[in-house]
Amino acid sequence: MSAKLSSLRLSKRLDEVRFSDIVQIRNKVMALRAGGEVVHGFHGGEPFFTTPLPVKYGMMQALVEDKTRYAPSSGMEPLREAIAHKLRTFNRMDVNADQVLLTVGGSHGLYAAFQCVLDPGDDALVFSPYWTPIRDLVTGAQGRPLLVPTISARNHGITDALERYATPHTRAIYYNTPQNPNGVVFTRQEAEEVAAFAKKRDLIVIADEAYEDLVYEGEHFSIATLPGMAERTITTYTLSKSFSMTGLRVGYVVACEPWMTGLRKIILYSTNGVSTPTQWAALEAMRMPRKFQAARLEEYRQRRDLLVQGLNELGLECMPPAGAFYVFPKSAKVHKDSRKAVGILLDRAHVATIPGVAFGAQGEGHLRFSYSVPTENIEAGIDALRKYLGHK
C-alpha cells in the first residue's frame, strides 16, 4: 500500500518550480475589487491600449473565411516571411523565414529555448533582477540559475561579473534587453562584452527581446547581429507588448541549426503550433507601419515621466527607466522588506505593486510599478500614495 502511494507524486524536476508572487498579488487585487474597493493597479504587465483594429479584423476575417484548420507547427509561411523581413530591416539580422518559428507567446519561446539547450546539471547565467518565470524555466529544465547582479556588472564591468559567477558547468547566458523589471537597456558595447564572453567560454545566449519597441534612451540592439553570434544565439520575441496582443498568445523565436531542430521538436510536442486565426491576426500586426510603435512609445514616455516625478516627490526614489514600461523605486520609504512594503501599500493605500524580491534577491529593497495604465490612473495612484505617506 505504501509503495503504491509513493508513486502518487509529481515529477522531481518540478520540486524547485514555484508559483509567482505576481499571481498571488493579482488574486488579492481581484478579491478587493470584488468587495467593492477601489484599487490603484500598478502591478500588471500588459499594454494600456487596446488591440489594433487591423489585428482584430485579421482574426475575424480568418474565422469568417474558415481559416481554422491546422497550420504548420512552425508557423504559416506568409507570417514567417513577414517576420523575417522585420528582423532584417529593424533588428538588422541576416535571417530568412526558415530561421523563424512561431510560439504561443514569448514565454513559450523561452521555455523551448531552455529545454533544447540545458541538460540536467547545467548552469545558466542570469542577469538579475530578472523576469520572474526565468528562474523556474531554468530549474524546470533541470538546470541551475546563477544570478549576475545587473547594476553591479554595469558599474564594475560585464566581463568581470560573468567571470566571477560562471562555473565549469555553465552552458548558457540569459540576456534580456530592455529588462523587466528595472527598464535597463544594454548598450552595444555591453552586448559586445557578453558576446565575447560567450564565444570565449563556448556558451549559448538566450536573448529575450520582448520590449524591443519600448526604448526611450539609446537604441535597441540585438546581440545576435554581432560577428560569430548568430550560430550561438536563440532570440525570443512576442507580439504581446508591441501590439497589445497579450491574450492572443503569439511570439516567435529566431535561431540557426542545431537549435532549430530542437526548437521544432519542443514546439511540435508541446503545442503543435499557434492557433491559425491568431496567426492571421499576427500577420496584420507585422504589416502595420513602424510609425505605430513610435506613437505608442511617446505615450509610454509621457506616463513614465509622470510616474517617476510623482514617486520621487514622495520619497520613493527612482531613476527614469531607459526601456520597457516599469519603474523600480526603492521601497525604504514604506519598508525595507519589499514584500512587507507591498502589503502595506495594498492594505492601507490600495495601491498594488510587485515586490522587488520577486525578481530575485538583487531586487530586494525595490518595488515594481507598471506605468502601462491610463494617465488618470497614475495621477489617482500618486494621490493615494500621497495621502497615505503624508499620514505615516
Protein backbone atom coordinates (compact mmCIF):
# COMPACT_ATOMS: atom_id res chain seq x y z
CA MET A 1 0.00 0.00 0.00
CA SER A 2 2.75 2.46 0.96
CA ALA A 3 4.73 1.58 -2.17
CA LYS A 4 1.66 2.31 -4.29
CA LEU A 5 1.05 5.64 -2.55
CA SER A 6 4.66 6.70 -3.04
CA SER A 7 4.12 6.78 -6.81
CA LEU A 8 1.40 9.42 -6.43
CA ARG A 9 3.77 12.38 -6.64
CA LEU A 10 4.86 14.98 -9.14
CA SER A 11 7.96 14.58 -11.24
CA LYS A 12 11.03 15.58 -9.19
CA ARG A 13 12.01 18.18 -11.80
CA LEU A 14 9.04 20.27 -10.57
CA ASP A 15 10.22 20.31 -6.94
CA GLU A 16 12.05 23.63 -7.42
CA VAL A 17 9.48 25.21 -9.74
CA ARG A 18 7.37 27.80 -7.91
CA PHE A 19 4.29 29.92 -8.48
CA SER A 20 4.87 33.65 -8.85
CA ASP A 21 4.27 36.41 -6.26
CA ILE A 22 2.57 38.29 -9.07
CA VAL A 23 -0.25 35.73 -9.27
CA GLN A 24 -0.87 36.00 -5.52
CA ILE A 25 -0.99 39.80 -5.66
CA ARG A 26 -3.28 39.74 -8.68
CA ASN A 27 -5.66 37.44 -6.81
CA LYS A 28 -5.74 39.76 -3.78
CA VAL A 29 -6.43 42.77 -6.00
CA MET A 30 -9.31 40.89 -7.66
CA ALA A 31 -10.73 39.99 -4.24
CA LEU A 32 -10.57 43.60 -3.04
CA ARG A 33 -12.26 44.87 -6.18
CA ALA A 34 -14.92 42.17 -5.97
CA GLY A 35 -15.64 43.51 -2.48
CA GLY A 36 -16.25 47.00 -3.88
CA GLU A 37 -12.85 48.51 -3.04
CA VAL A 38 -11.02 50.87 -5.40
CA VAL A 39 -7.52 49.56 -6.06
CA HIS A 40 -4.91 51.56 -7.96
CA GLY A 41 -3.21 48.87 -10.01
CA PHE A 42 0.46 49.25 -10.91
CA HIS A 43 1.13 45.51 -10.69
CA GLY A 44 0.25 44.40 -14.21
CA GLY A 45 2.42 43.72 -17.22
CA GLU A 46 0.02 44.43 -20.09
CA PRO A 47 -0.11 47.36 -22.54
CA PHE A 48 -2.67 50.02 -21.64
CA PHE A 49 -4.05 50.42 -25.19
CA THR A 50 -6.46 48.12 -26.98
CA THR A 51 -5.53 45.63 -29.69
CA PRO A 52 -5.25 47.50 -33.04
CA LEU A 53 -8.25 47.22 -35.34
CA PRO A 54 -6.30 45.65 -38.26
CA VAL A 55 -5.26 42.83 -35.92
CA LYS A 56 -8.84 42.25 -34.78
CA TYR A 57 -10.17 42.34 -38.32
CA GLY A 58 -7.44 39.95 -39.43
CA MET A 59 -8.63 37.37 -36.92
CA MET A 60 -12.32 37.95 -37.66
CA GLN A 61 -11.75 37.57 -41.39
CA ALA A 62 -9.85 34.34 -40.81
CA LEU A 63 -12.78 32.98 -38.79
CA VAL A 64 -15.38 34.07 -41.36
CA GLU A 65 -13.35 32.50 -44.17
CA ASP A 66 -12.99 29.25 -42.22
CA LYS A 67 -9.23 29.58 -41.84
CA THR A 68 -9.42 27.42 -38.75
CA ARG A 69 -7.59 24.27 -39.81
CA TYR A 70 -4.18 23.18 -38.61
CA ALA A 71 -1.35 25.42 -39.69
CA PRO A 72 2.23 24.08 -39.90
CA SER A 73 3.58 23.67 -36.36
CA SER A 74 6.45 26.02 -37.27
CA GLY A 75 4.01 28.72 -38.39
CA MET A 76 2.38 29.85 -41.64
CA GLU A 77 4.88 30.71 -44.35
CA PRO A 78 3.48 34.23 -45.10
CA LEU A 79 3.76 35.15 -41.42
CA ARG A 80 7.28 33.76 -41.08
CA GLU A 81 8.27 35.67 -44.25
CA ALA A 82 6.84 38.90 -42.80
CA ILE A 83 8.68 38.35 -39.52
CA ALA A 84 11.94 37.63 -41.33
CA HIS A 85 11.53 40.90 -43.27
CA LYS A 86 11.02 42.79 -40.00
CA LEU A 87 14.10 41.13 -38.48
CA ARG A 88 16.23 42.12 -41.48
CA THR A 89 15.04 45.73 -41.58
CA PHE A 90 14.57 46.60 -37.90
CA ASN A 91 16.85 44.21 -36.00
CA ARG A 92 19.47 44.07 -38.77
CA MET A 93 19.61 40.27 -38.61
CA ASP A 94 20.64 38.33 -41.70
CA VAL A 95 17.85 35.74 -41.50
CA ASN A 96 15.27 34.02 -43.68
CA ALA A 97 11.86 32.51 -42.93
CA ASP A 98 13.36 29.07 -42.27
CA GLN A 99 15.09 30.51 -39.19
CA VAL A 100 11.80 31.71 -37.66
CA LEU A 101 9.39 29.60 -35.57
CA LEU A 102 6.04 30.77 -34.18
CA THR A 103 5.41 30.22 -30.47
CA VAL A 104 2.48 30.57 -28.08
CA GLY A 105 3.71 33.90 -26.72
CA GLY A 106 7.22 34.88 -25.73
CA SER A 107 7.23 32.68 -22.64
CA HIS A 108 6.72 29.58 -24.80
CA GLY A 109 9.75 30.60 -26.86
CA LEU A 110 11.85 30.91 -23.71
CA TYR A 111 10.58 27.56 -22.44
CA ALA A 112 11.54 25.91 -25.74
CA ALA A 113 14.96 27.60 -25.74
CA PHE A 114 15.92 26.45 -22.24
CA GLN A 115 14.58 22.95 -22.88
CA CYS A 116 16.66 22.45 -26.03
CA VAL A 117 19.87 23.97 -24.59
CA LEU A 118 20.12 22.82 -20.96
CA ASP A 119 20.89 19.32 -19.72
CA PRO A 120 20.46 18.21 -16.08
CA GLY A 121 23.26 19.77 -14.05
CA ASP A 122 23.95 22.63 -16.47
CA ASP A 123 24.21 26.21 -15.18
CA ALA A 124 22.74 29.32 -16.80
CA LEU A 125 23.99 32.83 -16.08
CA VAL A 126 21.00 35.13 -15.49
CA PHE A 127 21.28 38.90 -15.19
CA SER A 128 19.33 39.83 -12.06
CA PRO A 129 16.80 41.14 -11.18
CA TYR A 130 15.07 39.06 -13.84
CA TRP A 131 11.58 38.44 -15.18
CA THR A 132 10.05 36.14 -12.56
CA PRO A 133 9.50 32.94 -14.65
CA ILE A 134 13.14 32.75 -15.78
CA ARG A 135 14.44 31.04 -12.64
CA ASP A 136 11.72 28.43 -12.93
CA LEU A 137 12.20 27.91 -16.65
CA VAL A 138 15.85 27.11 -15.91
CA THR A 139 15.10 24.81 -12.98
CA GLY A 140 12.27 23.18 -14.96
CA ALA A 141 14.92 22.18 -17.50
CA GLN A 142 16.88 20.71 -14.55
CA GLY A 143 19.46 23.48 -14.76
CA ARG A 144 20.72 25.91 -12.13
CA PRO A 145 20.34 29.70 -12.46
CA LEU A 146 23.45 31.70 -11.49
CA LEU A 147 22.38 35.26 -10.70
CA VAL A 148 24.61 38.06 -12.00
CA PRO A 149 23.74 41.47 -10.43
CA THR A 150 22.96 43.73 -13.40
CA ILE A 151 23.70 47.11 -11.82
CA SER A 152 26.98 45.94 -10.26
CA ALA A 153 28.02 44.36 -13.57
CA ARG A 154 27.31 47.57 -15.48
CA ASN A 155 29.15 49.70 -12.93
CA HIS A 156 32.21 47.49 -12.50
CA GLY A 157 32.45 45.53 -15.75
CA ILE A 158 30.24 42.98 -17.51
CA THR A 159 33.11 40.61 -18.27
CA ASP A 160 34.42 40.58 -14.70
CA ALA A 161 30.94 39.88 -13.36
CA LEU A 162 30.35 37.00 -15.75
CA GLU A 163 33.77 35.55 -14.91
CA ARG A 164 33.00 35.78 -11.21
CA TYR A 165 29.71 33.88 -11.38
CA ALA A 166 30.42 31.36 -14.15
CA THR A 167 31.26 27.74 -13.31
CA PRO A 168 32.71 24.84 -15.31
CA HIS A 169 29.10 23.68 -15.78
CA THR A 170 27.87 26.95 -17.30
CA ARG A 171 26.11 26.31 -20.59
CA ALA A 172 24.04 29.43 -21.35
CA ILE A 173 23.51 33.13 -20.67
CA TYR A 174 20.03 34.62 -20.36
CA TYR A 175 20.27 38.11 -21.85
CA ASN A 176 17.21 40.38 -21.57
CA THR A 177 17.10 43.89 -23.04
CA PRO A 178 15.17 46.04 -22.32
CA GLN A 179 14.90 44.42 -18.92
CA ASN A 180 11.87 43.59 -16.85
CA PRO A 181 11.62 44.77 -14.01
CA ASN A 182 14.09 47.68 -13.97
CA GLY A 183 13.98 49.01 -17.52
CA VAL A 184 17.72 48.60 -18.14
CA VAL A 185 18.74 48.75 -21.81
CA PHE A 186 22.10 47.15 -22.54
CA THR A 187 24.32 49.16 -24.89
CA ARG A 188 26.05 47.78 -27.97
CA GLN A 189 29.35 47.84 -26.05
CA GLU A 190 27.83 45.79 -23.24
CA ALA A 191 26.38 43.35 -25.78
CA GLU A 192 29.85 43.01 -27.28
CA GLU A 193 31.24 42.09 -23.83
CA VAL A 194 28.58 39.44 -23.33
CA ALA A 195 29.20 38.09 -26.84
CA ALA A 196 32.97 37.94 -26.34
CA PHE A 197 32.48 36.05 -23.07
CA ALA A 198 30.04 33.62 -24.71
CA LYS A 199 32.48 32.88 -27.54
CA LYS A 200 35.41 32.52 -25.17
CA ARG A 201 33.52 30.02 -22.96
CA ASP A 202 31.60 28.41 -25.86
CA LEU A 203 28.22 29.36 -24.37
CA ILE A 204 24.75 29.76 -25.85
CA VAL A 205 22.95 33.10 -25.44
CA ILE A 206 19.19 33.05 -24.95
CA ALA A 207 18.19 36.62 -25.82
CA ASP A 208 14.82 37.94 -24.65
CA GLU A 209 13.76 41.00 -26.68
CA ALA A 210 10.11 41.24 -25.60
CA TYR A 211 10.32 45.02 -25.10
CA GLU A 212 12.33 45.81 -28.24
CA ASP A 213 9.91 48.57 -29.30
CA LEU A 214 9.99 50.37 -25.94
CA VAL A 215 13.38 52.08 -25.73
CA TYR A 216 13.47 55.73 -24.62
CA GLU A 217 17.20 56.28 -24.15
CA GLY A 218 19.69 54.90 -26.69
CA GLU A 219 18.52 52.24 -29.13
CA HIS A 220 17.62 48.60 -29.10
CA PHE A 221 20.46 46.32 -30.22
CA SER A 222 20.13 42.60 -30.99
CA ILE A 223 23.14 40.62 -29.76
CA ALA A 224 22.68 38.01 -32.50
CA THR A 225 23.87 40.57 -35.10
CA LEU A 226 27.42 40.59 -33.71
CA PRO A 227 30.11 38.56 -35.53
CA GLY A 228 30.02 34.88 -34.58
CA MET A 229 26.81 35.22 -32.52
CA ALA A 230 24.05 34.14 -34.92
CA GLU A 231 25.08 30.48 -34.56
CA ARG A 232 25.15 30.61 -30.76
CA THR A 233 22.08 32.79 -30.05
CA ILE A 234 18.40 31.90 -29.70
CA THR A 235 16.40 35.13 -29.75
CA THR A 236 12.82 35.24 -28.47
CA TYR A 237 10.14 37.81 -29.26
CA THR A 238 6.48 38.44 -28.51
CA LEU A 239 3.76 40.47 -30.18
CA SER A 240 2.10 40.94 -26.77
CA LYS A 241 3.85 44.15 -25.75
CA SER A 242 4.29 45.87 -29.12
CA PHE A 243 0.72 45.30 -30.33
CA SER A 244 -1.29 44.74 -27.12
CA MET A 245 -1.95 41.12 -28.07
CA THR A 246 -1.32 39.51 -24.67
CA GLY A 247 -4.41 37.30 -24.77
CA LEU A 248 -3.82 36.16 -28.34
CA ARG A 249 -0.60 34.40 -27.25
CA VAL A 250 1.73 34.73 -30.20
CA GLY A 251 5.50 35.14 -30.29
CA TYR A 252 8.44 33.78 -32.25
CA VAL A 253 11.99 32.51 -31.91
CA VAL A 254 14.92 33.03 -34.24
CA ALA A 255 17.86 30.62 -34.43
CA CYS A 256 20.20 28.57 -36.63
CA GLU A 257 20.92 24.85 -36.53
CA PRO A 258 21.27 22.77 -34.44
CA TRP A 259 18.89 24.84 -32.31
CA MET A 260 16.14 24.94 -34.93
CA THR A 261 15.76 21.15 -34.90
CA GLY A 262 15.47 21.14 -31.12
CA LEU A 263 13.06 24.08 -31.06
CA ARG A 264 10.86 22.46 -33.69
CA LYS A 265 10.65 19.29 -31.59
CA ILE A 266 9.74 21.18 -28.41
CA ILE A 267 7.09 23.24 -30.21
CA LEU A 268 5.67 20.21 -32.04
CA TYR A 269 5.26 18.16 -28.87
CA SER A 270 4.16 20.94 -26.53
CA THR A 271 1.56 22.91 -28.52
CA ASN A 272 1.83 21.69 -32.14
CA GLY A 273 1.85 25.35 -33.13
CA VAL A 274 -0.09 28.57 -32.71
CA SER A 275 -3.83 28.99 -33.29
CA THR A 276 -4.41 29.53 -37.03
CA PRO A 277 -6.76 32.57 -36.71
CA THR A 278 -4.25 34.11 -34.30
CA GLN A 279 -1.53 33.78 -36.93
CA TRP A 280 -3.65 35.67 -39.46
CA ALA A 281 -4.09 38.39 -36.83
CA ALA A 282 -0.33 38.42 -36.25
CA LEU A 283 0.25 38.82 -39.99
CA GLU A 284 -1.79 42.03 -39.92
CA ALA A 285 0.27 43.24 -36.94
CA MET A 286 3.51 42.66 -38.84
CA ARG A 287 2.14 44.68 -41.78
CA MET A 288 1.46 47.77 -39.64
CA PRO A 289 3.80 50.74 -40.31
CA ARG A 290 6.62 51.41 -37.82
CA LYS A 291 5.10 54.80 -37.03
CA PHE A 292 2.52 52.91 -34.96
CA GLN A 293 5.20 51.81 -32.47
CA ALA A 294 6.76 55.29 -32.48
CA ALA A 295 3.44 56.89 -31.48
CA ARG A 296 2.90 54.38 -28.68
CA LEU A 297 6.45 54.93 -27.43
CA GLU A 298 5.74 58.62 -26.90
CA GLU A 299 2.58 57.79 -24.96
CA TYR A 300 4.60 55.49 -22.71
CA ARG A 301 7.28 58.14 -22.28
CA GLN A 302 4.69 60.63 -21.00
CA ARG A 303 3.41 58.09 -18.48
CA ARG A 304 6.94 57.17 -17.43
CA ASP A 305 7.86 60.79 -16.73
CA LEU A 306 4.63 61.43 -14.83
CA LEU A 307 5.11 58.40 -12.56
CA VAL A 308 8.83 58.93 -11.99
CA GLN A 309 8.25 62.56 -10.98
CA GLY A 310 5.40 61.63 -8.64
CA LEU A 311 7.29 58.80 -6.93
CA ASN A 312 10.43 60.88 -6.41
CA GLU A 313 8.42 63.73 -4.91
CA LEU A 314 7.02 61.22 -2.38
CA GLY A 315 10.45 59.88 -1.43
CA LEU A 316 10.17 56.65 -3.42
CA GLU A 317 13.49 57.22 -5.16
CA CYS A 318 13.88 56.03 -8.73
CA MET A 319 15.65 56.83 -11.99
CA PRO A 320 13.75 57.09 -15.29
CA PRO A 321 13.99 53.64 -16.92
CA ALA A 322 15.61 53.52 -20.36
CA GLY A 323 13.17 50.92 -21.67
CA ALA A 324 10.11 48.68 -21.09
CA PHE A 325 7.18 50.11 -19.05
CA TYR A 326 8.22 49.61 -15.43
CA VAL A 327 9.69 51.86 -12.75
CA PHE A 328 11.75 50.24 -9.98
CA PRO A 329 11.84 52.63 -7.00
CA LYS A 330 13.39 51.95 -3.61
CA SER A 331 10.93 50.66 -1.03
CA ALA A 332 12.63 52.07 2.12
CA LYS A 333 10.15 54.95 2.47
CA VAL A 334 7.47 52.32 3.16
CA HIS A 335 9.53 49.35 4.42
CA LYS A 336 12.96 47.95 3.57
CA ASP A 337 11.41 44.50 3.09
CA SER A 338 9.79 44.73 -0.34
CA ARG A 339 7.11 42.11 0.36
CA LYS A 340 6.06 43.93 3.53
CA ALA A 341 6.10 47.23 1.65
CA VAL A 342 3.77 45.79 -1.00
CA GLY A 343 1.38 44.51 1.68
CA ILE A 344 1.35 47.87 3.46
CA LEU A 345 0.63 49.84 0.28
CA LEU A 346 -2.11 47.45 -0.80
CA ASP A 347 -3.81 47.30 2.61
CA ARG A 348 -3.51 50.98 3.59
CA ALA A 349 -3.33 52.94 0.35
CA HIS A 350 -4.99 50.42 -2.00
CA VAL A 351 -2.03 50.76 -4.35
CA ALA A 352 -0.94 47.47 -5.93
CA THR A 353 2.73 46.93 -6.83
CA ILE A 354 5.11 43.96 -7.06
CA PRO A 355 7.90 43.30 -4.51
CA GLY A 356 11.37 43.62 -5.98
CA VAL A 357 12.49 40.38 -4.33
CA ALA A 358 10.06 38.51 -6.61
CA PHE A 359 12.58 39.24 -9.37
CA GLY A 360 15.49 37.75 -7.46
CA ALA A 361 17.49 38.69 -4.37
CA GLN A 362 19.06 41.60 -6.27
CA GLY A 363 15.61 43.20 -6.48
CA GLU A 364 15.09 43.35 -2.73
CA GLY A 365 14.56 46.85 -1.38
CA HIS A 366 12.65 47.88 -4.51
CA LEU A 367 9.09 47.86 -5.83
CA ARG A 368 7.98 47.40 -9.43
CA PHE A 369 5.40 49.88 -10.66
CA SER A 370 3.99 49.45 -14.17
CA TYR A 371 3.10 52.67 -15.99
CA SER A 372 1.24 50.80 -18.70
CA VAL A 373 -2.01 52.28 -17.41
CA PRO A 374 -4.14 55.32 -18.34
CA THR A 375 -2.70 58.69 -17.28
CA GLU A 376 -5.61 59.34 -14.92
CA ASN A 377 -4.85 56.06 -13.12
CA ILE A 378 -1.26 57.19 -12.50
CA GLU A 379 -2.49 60.52 -11.12
CA ALA A 380 -5.05 58.80 -8.87
CA GLY A 381 -2.46 56.31 -7.63
CA ILE A 382 0.07 59.04 -6.82
CA ASP A 383 -2.66 60.93 -4.95
CA ALA A 384 -3.49 57.79 -2.91
CA LEU A 385 0.21 57.34 -2.08
CA ARG A 386 0.49 60.99 -1.10
CA LYS A 387 -2.43 60.69 1.31
CA TYR A 388 -1.04 57.56 2.93
CA LEU A 389 2.59 58.69 3.15
CA GLY A 390 1.53 62.11 4.38
CA HIS A 391 -0.15 60.49 7.41
CA LYS A 392 2.54 57.94 8.25
